[in-house]
C-alpha atoms as a PDB file:
ATOM      1  CA  MET A   1     -30.316  46.102-113.836  1.00  0.00           C
ATOM      2  CA  VAL A   2     -29.530  48.990-111.346  1.00  0.00           C
ATOM      3  CA  SER A   3     -29.913  52.414-112.777  1.00  0.00           C
ATOM      4  CA  THR A   4     -27.233  54.887-112.082  1.00  0.00           C
ATOM      5  CA  LYS A   5     -28.961  57.836-113.828  1.00  0.00           C
ATOM      6  CA  ILE A   6     -28.249  61.148-112.383  1.00  0.00           C
ATOM      7  CA  THR A   7     -31.052  63.031-110.787  1.00  0.00           C
ATOM      8  CA  SER A   8     -29.301  65.022-108.229  1.00  0.00           C
ATOM      9  CA  SER A   9     -26.441  67.454-107.836  1.00  0.00           C
ATOM     10  CA  SER A  10     -25.916  68.344-104.178  1.00  0.00           C
ATOM     11  CA  VAL A  11     -23.772  66.459-101.756  1.00  0.00           C
ATOM     12  CA  ALA A  12     -26.667  65.344 -99.481  1.00  0.00           C
ATOM     13  CA  GLU A  13     -28.654  64.214-102.595  1.00  0.00           C
ATOM     14  CA  ILE A  14     -25.746  62.411-104.109  1.00  0.00           C
ATOM     15  CA  ASP A  15     -24.823  60.655-100.727  1.00  0.00           C
ATOM     16  CA  ALA A  16     -28.450  59.538-100.307  1.00  0.00           C
ATOM     17  CA  LYS A  17     -28.672  58.105-103.718  1.00  0.00           C
ATOM     18  CA  LEU A  18     -25.310  56.357-103.235  1.00  0.00           C
ATOM     19  CA  LYS A  19     -26.485  54.649 -99.971  1.00  0.00           C
ATOM     20  CA  THR A  20     -29.337  52.801-102.140  1.00  0.00           C
ATOM     21  CA  PHE A  21     -26.550  50.934-103.967  1.00  0.00           C
ATOM     22  CA  PHE A  22     -25.114  47.749-102.580  1.00  0.00           C
ATOM     23  CA  SER A  23     -22.383  46.890-105.153  1.00  0.00           C
ATOM     24  CA  PRO A  24     -19.176  48.870-104.890  1.00  0.00           C
ATOM     25  CA  MET A  25     -18.699  48.821-108.641  1.00  0.00           C
ATOM     26  CA  VAL A  26     -22.215  50.316-109.041  1.00  0.00           C
ATOM     27  CA  LYS A  27     -21.432  52.961-106.613  1.00  0.00           C
ATOM     28  CA  ILE A  28     -18.318  53.596-108.663  1.00  0.00           C
ATOM     29  CA  GLU A  29     -20.268  53.897-111.781  1.00  0.00           C
ATOM     30  CA  TYR A  30     -22.781  56.244-110.227  1.00  0.00           C
ATOM     31  CA  LEU A  31     -20.054  58.542-108.959  1.00  0.00           C
ATOM     32  CA  GLU A  32     -18.312  58.418-112.274  1.00  0.00           C
ATOM     33  CA  ASN A  33     -21.586  59.530-113.922  1.00  0.00           C
ATOM     34  CA  CYS A  34     -22.085  62.300-111.590  1.00  0.00           C
ATOM     35  CA  LEU A  35     -18.689  63.664-112.391  1.00  0.00           C
ATOM     36  CA  LYS A  36     -19.561  63.828-116.092  1.00  0.00           C
ATOM     37  CA  GLN A  37     -22.267  66.262-115.229  1.00  0.00           C
ATOM     38  CA  MET A  38     -22.054  69.978-114.382  1.00  0.00           C
ATOM     39  CA  ILE A  39     -22.167  69.591-110.524  1.00  0.00           C
ATOM     40  CA  PRO A  40     -21.071  72.230-107.680  1.00  0.00           C
ATOM     41  CA  ASN A  41     -17.472  72.189-106.511  1.00  0.00           C
ATOM     42  CA  ASP A  42     -18.286  70.638-103.106  1.00  0.00           C
ATOM     43  CA  ALA A  43     -20.303  67.854-104.778  1.00  0.00           C
ATOM     44  CA  SER A  44     -17.439  67.084-107.206  1.00  0.00           C
ATOM     45  CA  ARG A  45     -15.045  66.927-104.461  1.00  0.00           C
ATOM     46  CA  PHE A  46     -17.390  64.600-102.409  1.00  0.00           C
ATOM     47  CA  CYS A  47     -17.458  62.299-105.498  1.00  0.00           C
ATOM     48  CA  HIS A  48     -13.856  62.260-106.002  1.00  0.00           C
ATOM     49  CA  LEU A  49     -13.215  61.369-102.314  1.00  0.00           C
ATOM     50  CA  LYS A  50     -15.811  58.600-102.332  1.00  0.00           C
ATOM     51  CA  LEU A  51     -14.355  57.207-105.449  1.00  0.00           C
ATOM     52  CA  SER A  52     -11.015  57.158-104.000  1.00  0.00           C
ATOM     53  CA  GLU A  53     -12.225  55.129-101.009  1.00  0.00           C
ATOM     54  CA  PHE A  54     -14.087  52.649-103.209  1.00  0.00           C
ATOM     55  CA  TYR A  55     -11.014  52.257-105.321  1.00  0.00           C
ATOM     56  CA  ALA A  56      -8.556  51.883-102.570  1.00  0.00           C
ATOM     57  CA  GLN A  57     -10.785  49.294-100.902  1.00  0.00           C
ATOM     58  CA  ARG A  58     -10.309  47.276-104.276  1.00  0.00           C
ATOM     59  CA  LEU A  59      -6.608  47.812-104.135  1.00  0.00           C
ATOM     60  CA  MET A  60      -6.865  49.980-107.160  1.00  0.00           C
ATOM     61  CA  TYR A  61      -4.308  52.648-106.117  1.00  0.00           C
ATOM     62  CA  GLY A  62      -4.037  54.288-109.430  1.00  0.00           C
ATOM     63  CA  PRO A  63      -7.450  55.747-109.675  1.00  0.00           C
ATOM     64  CA  ALA A  64      -7.661  56.098-106.033  1.00  0.00           C
ATOM     65  CA  ALA A  65      -4.608  58.301-106.101  1.00  0.00           C
ATOM     66  CA  ARG A  66      -5.953  60.313-109.108  1.00  0.00           C
ATOM     67  CA  ASN A  67      -9.327  60.905-107.354  1.00  0.00           C
ATOM     68  CA  LEU A  68      -7.555  62.152-104.191  1.00  0.00           C
ATOM     69  CA  ASP A  69      -5.468  64.552-106.389  1.00  0.00           C
ATOM     70  CA  SER A  70      -8.546  65.835-108.006  1.00  0.00           C
ATOM     71  CA  ALA A  71     -10.211  66.218-104.387  1.00  0.00           C
ATOM     72  CA  ALA A  72      -7.133  68.142-103.192  1.00  0.00           C
ATOM     73  CA  ASP A  73      -7.327  70.537-106.272  1.00  0.00           C
ATOM     74  CA  GLU A  74     -10.780  71.353-105.487  1.00  0.00           C
ATOM     75  CA  SER A  75     -10.398  71.807-101.701  1.00  0.00           C
ATOM     76  CA  VAL A  76     -10.476  75.377-100.240  1.00  0.00           C
ATOM     77  CA  THR A  77      -7.853  75.450 -97.472  1.00  0.00           C
ATOM     78  CA  PHE A  78      -4.189  74.558 -97.809  1.00  0.00           C
ATOM     79  CA  LYS A  79      -4.727  72.231 -94.759  1.00  0.00           C
ATOM     80  CA  ASP A  80      -7.287  70.167 -96.489  1.00  0.00           C
ATOM     81  CA  LYS A  81      -5.118  70.086 -99.620  1.00  0.00           C
ATOM     82  CA  LYS A  82      -2.027  69.006 -97.761  1.00  0.00           C
ATOM     83  CA  GLU A  83      -3.808  66.208 -95.814  1.00  0.00           C
ATOM     84  CA  LEU A  84      -5.161  64.736 -99.259  1.00  0.00           C
ATOM     85  CA  TYR A  85      -1.800  65.024-100.848  1.00  0.00           C
ATOM     86  CA  PHE A  86      -0.237  63.141 -97.936  1.00  0.00           C
ATOM     87  CA  LYS A  87      -2.860  60.265 -98.568  1.00  0.00           C
ATOM     88  CA  GLU A  88      -2.231  60.410-102.380  1.00  0.00           C
ATOM     89  CA  ILE A  89       1.649  60.090-101.642  1.00  0.00           C
ATOM     90  CA  THR A  90       0.859  56.743 -99.680  1.00  0.00           C
ATOM     91  CA  TYR A  91      -0.929  55.236-102.731  1.00  0.00           C
ATOM     92  CA  LEU A  92       1.670  56.554-105.377  1.00  0.00           C
ATOM     93  CA  LEU A  93       4.325  54.685-103.110  1.00  0.00           C
ATOM     94  CA  LYS A  94       2.459  51.539-103.320  1.00  0.00           C
ATOM     95  CA  LEU A  95       2.392  51.872-106.977  1.00  0.00           C
ATOM     96  CA  LYS A  96       6.190  52.945-107.032  1.00  0.00           C
ATOM     97  CA  ASP A  97       5.091  55.817-109.271  1.00  0.00           C
ATOM     98  CA  PHE A  98       7.789  58.251-108.474  1.00  0.00           C
ATOM     99  CA  LEU A  99       7.058  60.492-111.288  1.00  0.00           C
ATOM    100  CA  MET A 100       3.713  61.448-109.948  1.00  0.00           C
ATOM    101  CA  LEU A 101       5.081  61.060-106.476  1.00  0.00           C
ATOM    102  CA  ASP A 102       7.437  64.027-107.209  1.00  0.00           C
ATOM    103  CA  LYS A 103       4.710  66.204-108.545  1.00  0.00           C
ATOM    104  CA  THR A 104       2.422  65.415-105.702  1.00  0.00           C
ATOM    105  CA  PHE A 105       5.341  66.094-103.155  1.00  0.00           C
ATOM    106  CA  LYS A 106       5.823  69.412-104.704  1.00  0.00           C
ATOM    107  CA  LYS A 107       2.091  70.359-104.577  1.00  0.00           C
ATOM    108  CA  ALA A 108       2.241  69.356-100.777  1.00  0.00           C
ATOM    109  CA  LEU A 109       5.083  71.620-100.274  1.00  0.00           C
ATOM    110  CA  VAL A 110       3.438  74.661-101.863  1.00  0.00           C
ATOM    111  CA  CYS A 111       0.614  74.119 -99.194  1.00  0.00           C
ATOM    112  CA  GLY A 112       3.075  74.794 -96.467  1.00  0.00           C
ATOM    113  CA  ASN A 113       2.794  78.330 -95.273  1.00  0.00           C
ATOM    114  CA  THR A 114       5.791  78.311 -93.084  1.00  0.00           C
ATOM    115  CA  ASN A 115       9.301  76.626 -93.114  1.00  0.00           C
ATOM    116  CA  ALA A 116       8.149  74.335 -90.312  1.00  0.00           C
ATOM    117  CA  GLU A 117       5.111  73.170 -92.405  1.00  0.00           C
ATOM    118  CA  LYS A 118       7.290  72.445 -95.492  1.00  0.00           C
ATOM    119  CA  GLU A 119       9.694  70.517 -93.324  1.00  0.00           C
ATOM    120  CA  ALA A 120       6.851  68.517 -91.968  1.00  0.00           C
ATOM    121  CA  VAL A 121       5.943  67.486 -95.524  1.00  0.00           C
ATOM    122  CA  LYS A 122       9.538  66.418 -96.215  1.00  0.00           C
ATOM    123  CA  ILE A 123       9.431  64.381 -92.963  1.00  0.00           C
ATOM    124  CA  TYR A 124       6.306  62.710 -93.940  1.00  0.00           C
ATOM    125  CA  LEU A 125       7.648  61.751 -97.283  1.00  0.00           C
ATOM    126  CA  LYS A 126      10.780  60.411 -95.876  1.00  0.00           C
ATOM    127  CA  THR A 127       8.871  58.399 -93.113  1.00  0.00           C
ATOM    128  CA  GLU A 128       6.511  56.832 -95.624  1.00  0.00           C
ATOM    129  CA  MET A 129       9.353  55.740 -98.066  1.00  0.00           C
ATOM    130  CA  LEU A 130      11.332  54.305 -95.050  1.00  0.00           C
ATOM    131  CA  LYS A 131       8.271  52.441 -93.853  1.00  0.00           C
ATOM    132  CA  LEU A 132       7.600  50.987 -97.279  1.00  0.00           C
ATOM    133  CA  ALA A 133      11.252  49.970 -97.660  1.00  0.00           C
ATOM    134  CA  GLY A 134      11.175  48.343 -94.198  1.00  0.00           C
ATOM    135  CA  GLU A 135       8.032  46.435 -95.131  1.00  0.00           C
ATOM    136  CA  PHE A 136       9.907  45.151 -98.452  1.00  0.00           C
ATOM    137  CA  GLU A 137      12.868  43.970 -96.253  1.00  0.00           C
ATOM    138  CA  LYS A 138      10.575  42.145 -93.911  1.00  0.00           C
ATOM    139  CA  THR A 139       9.065  40.256 -96.783  1.00  0.00           C
ATOM    140  CA  ASN A 140      12.500  39.569 -98.533  1.00  0.00           C
ATOM    141  CA  LYS A 141      11.683  41.881-101.352  1.00  0.00           C
ATOM    142  CA  ARG A 142      15.181  43.451-101.246  1.00  0.00           C
ATOM    143  CA  SER A 143      15.526  44.631-104.552  1.00  0.00           C
ATOM    144  CA  GLN A 144      12.384  46.983-104.096  1.00  0.00           C
ATOM    145  CA  ALA A 145      13.830  47.886-100.626  1.00  0.00           C
ATOM    146  CA  VAL A 146      17.147  48.924-102.457  1.00  0.00           C
ATOM    147  CA  MET A 147      15.197  50.909-104.995  1.00  0.00           C
ATOM    148  CA  ILE A 148      13.472  52.876-102.253  1.00  0.00           C
ATOM    149  CA  TYR A 149      16.739  53.437-100.411  1.00  0.00           C
ATOM    150  CA  GLU A 150      18.661  54.475-103.372  1.00  0.00           C
ATOM    151  CA  ARG A 151      15.975  56.985-104.232  1.00  0.00           C
ATOM    152  CA  LEU A 152      16.170  58.475-100.668  1.00  0.00           C
ATOM    153  CA  ILE A 153      19.963  58.790-101.094  1.00  0.00           C
ATOM    154  CA  ASP A 154      19.481  61.012-104.131  1.00  0.00           C
ATOM    155  CA  MET A 155      16.782  63.151-102.474  1.00  0.00           C
ATOM    156  CA  GLN A 156      17.304  66.388-100.704  1.00  0.00           C
ATOM    157  CA  ILE A 157      14.877  65.179 -97.899  1.00  0.00           C
ATOM    158  CA  THR A 158      17.796  63.219 -96.255  1.00  0.00           C
ATOM    159  CA  ASN A 159      20.885  64.681 -94.662  1.00  0.00           C
ATOM    160  CA  ASP A 160      24.345  63.411 -94.933  1.00  0.00           C
ATOM    161  CA  ALA A 161      24.317  61.269 -91.846  1.00  0.00           C
ATOM    162  CA  GLU A 162      21.074  59.584 -93.055  1.00  0.00           C
ATOM    163  CA  LYS A 163      22.495  59.178 -96.579  1.00  0.00           C
ATOM    164  CA  LYS A 164      25.393  57.235 -95.042  1.00  0.00           C
ATOM    165  CA  GLU A 165      23.246  55.109 -93.083  1.00  0.00           C
ATOM    166  CA  LEU A 166      21.189  54.280 -96.152  1.00  0.00           C
ATOM    167  CA  MET A 167      24.107  53.468 -98.104  1.00  0.00           C
ATOM    168  CA  SER A 168      25.227  50.974 -95.450  1.00  0.00           C
ATOM    169  CA  LYS A 169      21.689  49.385 -95.715  1.00  0.00           C
ATOM    170  CA  VAL A 170      22.086  49.204 -99.495  1.00  0.00           C
ATOM    171  CA  ALA A 171      25.436  47.666 -99.330  1.00  0.00           C
ATOM    172  CA  SER A 172      24.174  45.085 -96.977  1.00  0.00           C
ATOM    173  CA  LEU A 173      21.158  44.184 -99.066  1.00  0.00           C
ATOM    174  CA  ASN A 174      23.178  43.898-102.167  1.00  0.00           C
ATOM    175  CA  SER A 175      25.513  41.576-100.295  1.00  0.00           C
ATOM    176  CA  LYS A 176      22.620  39.302 -99.423  1.00  0.00           C
ATOM    177  CA  MET A 177      21.440  39.371-103.107  1.00  0.00           C
ATOM    178  CA  GLY A 178      24.849  38.437-104.331  1.00  0.00           C
ATOM    179  CA  LYS A 179      25.548  41.676-105.944  1.00  0.00           C
ATOM    180  CA  ILE A 180      29.056  42.086-104.350  1.00  0.00           C
ATOM    181  CA  GLY A 181      30.318  44.835-106.756  1.00  0.00           C
ATOM    182  CA  GLU A 182      27.419  47.036-105.822  1.00  0.00           C
ATOM    183  CA  ALA A 183      27.952  46.163-102.192  1.00  0.00           C
ATOM    184  CA  VAL A 184      31.493  47.226-102.090  1.00  0.00           C
ATOM    185  CA  ARG A 185      30.715  50.306-104.085  1.00  0.00           C
ATOM    186  CA  TYR A 186      27.997  51.460-101.443  1.00  0.00           C
ATOM    187  CA  GLU A 187      30.277  50.539 -98.641  1.00  0.00           C
ATOM    188  CA  GLN A 188      33.121  52.941 -99.986  1.00  0.00           C
ATOM    189  CA  MET A 189      30.692  55.640-100.654  1.00  0.00           C
ATOM    190  CA  ALA A 190      29.481  55.415 -97.098  1.00  0.00           C
ATOM    191  CA  LYS A 191      32.926  55.944 -95.890  1.00  0.00           C
ATOM    192  CA  MET A 192      33.780  58.798 -98.050  1.00  0.00           C
ATOM    193  CA  PRO A 193      33.649  62.501 -96.750  1.00  0.00           C
ATOM    194  CA  ILE A 194      30.694  64.300 -98.318  1.00  0.00           C
ATOM    195  CA  SER A 195      32.997  66.422-100.624  1.00  0.00           C
ATOM    196  CA  GLN A 196      34.933  63.483-101.937  1.00  0.00           C
ATOM    197  CA  ARG A 197      31.709  61.534-102.517  1.00  0.00           C
ATOM    198  CA  LYS A 198      30.197  64.370-104.444  1.00  0.00           C
ATOM    199  CA  LYS A 199      33.303  64.529-106.673  1.00  0.00           C
ATOM    200  CA  ALA A 200      33.034  60.800-107.248  1.00  0.00           C
ATOM    201  CA  GLU A 201      29.233  61.145-108.259  1.00  0.00           C
ATOM    202  CA  SER A 202      30.463  63.926-110.574  1.00  0.00           C
ATOM    203  CA  ASP A 203      33.165  61.787-112.253  1.00  0.00           C
ATOM    204  CA  ASP A 204      30.615  58.905-112.762  1.00  0.00           C
ATOM    205  CA  ASP A 205      28.302  61.415-114.435  1.00  0.00           C
ATOM    206  CA  VAL A 206      31.120  62.550-116.785  1.00  0.00           C
ATOM    207  CA  ARG A 207      31.918  59.005-117.471  1.00  0.00           C
ATOM    208  CA  LYS A 208      28.377  58.382-118.583  1.00  0.00           C
ATOM    209  CA  VAL A 209      28.515  60.964-121.288  1.00  0.00           C
ATOM    210  CA  SER A 210      28.179  59.398-124.854  1.00  0.00           C
ATOM    211  CA  PHE A 211      29.808  60.396-128.088  1.00  0.00           C
ATOM    212  CA  ASN A 212      26.263  61.305-129.235  1.00  0.00           C
ATOM    213  CA  ASP A 213      25.991  63.763-126.178  1.00  0.00           C
ATOM    214  CA  LEU A 214      29.274  65.523-127.421  1.00  0.00           C
ATOM    215  CA  GLY A 215      28.039  65.669-130.930  1.00  0.00           C
ATOM    216  CA  LEU A 216      30.628  63.271-132.104  1.00  0.00           C
ATOM    217  CA  GLU A 217      30.436  60.083-134.071  1.00  0.00           C
ATOM    218  CA  GLU A 218      31.546  56.922-132.191  1.00  0.00           C
ATOM    219  CA  LEU A 219      34.762  55.524-133.428  1.00  0.00           C
END
């Protein structure tokens, strides 16, 4: 049985020991054990990055994303943090974990020192989401593509012209899936002026209010 006992704490020592293991799972075990010890910040960051790499290779995007997040938190410069958050966003999209995606997106935004850098973060997220939705369309995973497009429609990273284009895409996909009612609804929304569309969405929200929300008993 291979021993993953910790006998070193520097990046160089950990890396050297890591190279003596052949099995990816043994490497993961060794790195996880390293993180249970009191090791310097740079060594901890190295372990998280390697763990993310090994987990991603095994298509285990959840732990891969979590380790990237930890590595980003331990990074010194905003540039390094942002690059790792970008990679984490890619993994979170694969998982369709939009709750964590939103948190990571906000962390990446904070790393932008200028409006241009913050805009670059928004463009990156939008591009990655569109890329994933496009892949879903190509593989006939239409419902998953619709889910991504609908989320983009609701997000501030898309402008009005982009939202209209996305609504048309959603209408077309819903039509192909036989969801005619949804297709017609999105076709109508795409044709509405922005002010009218916002009012319609507001009216929809009002209609969704329940008796319990109003503190009344349902009749």
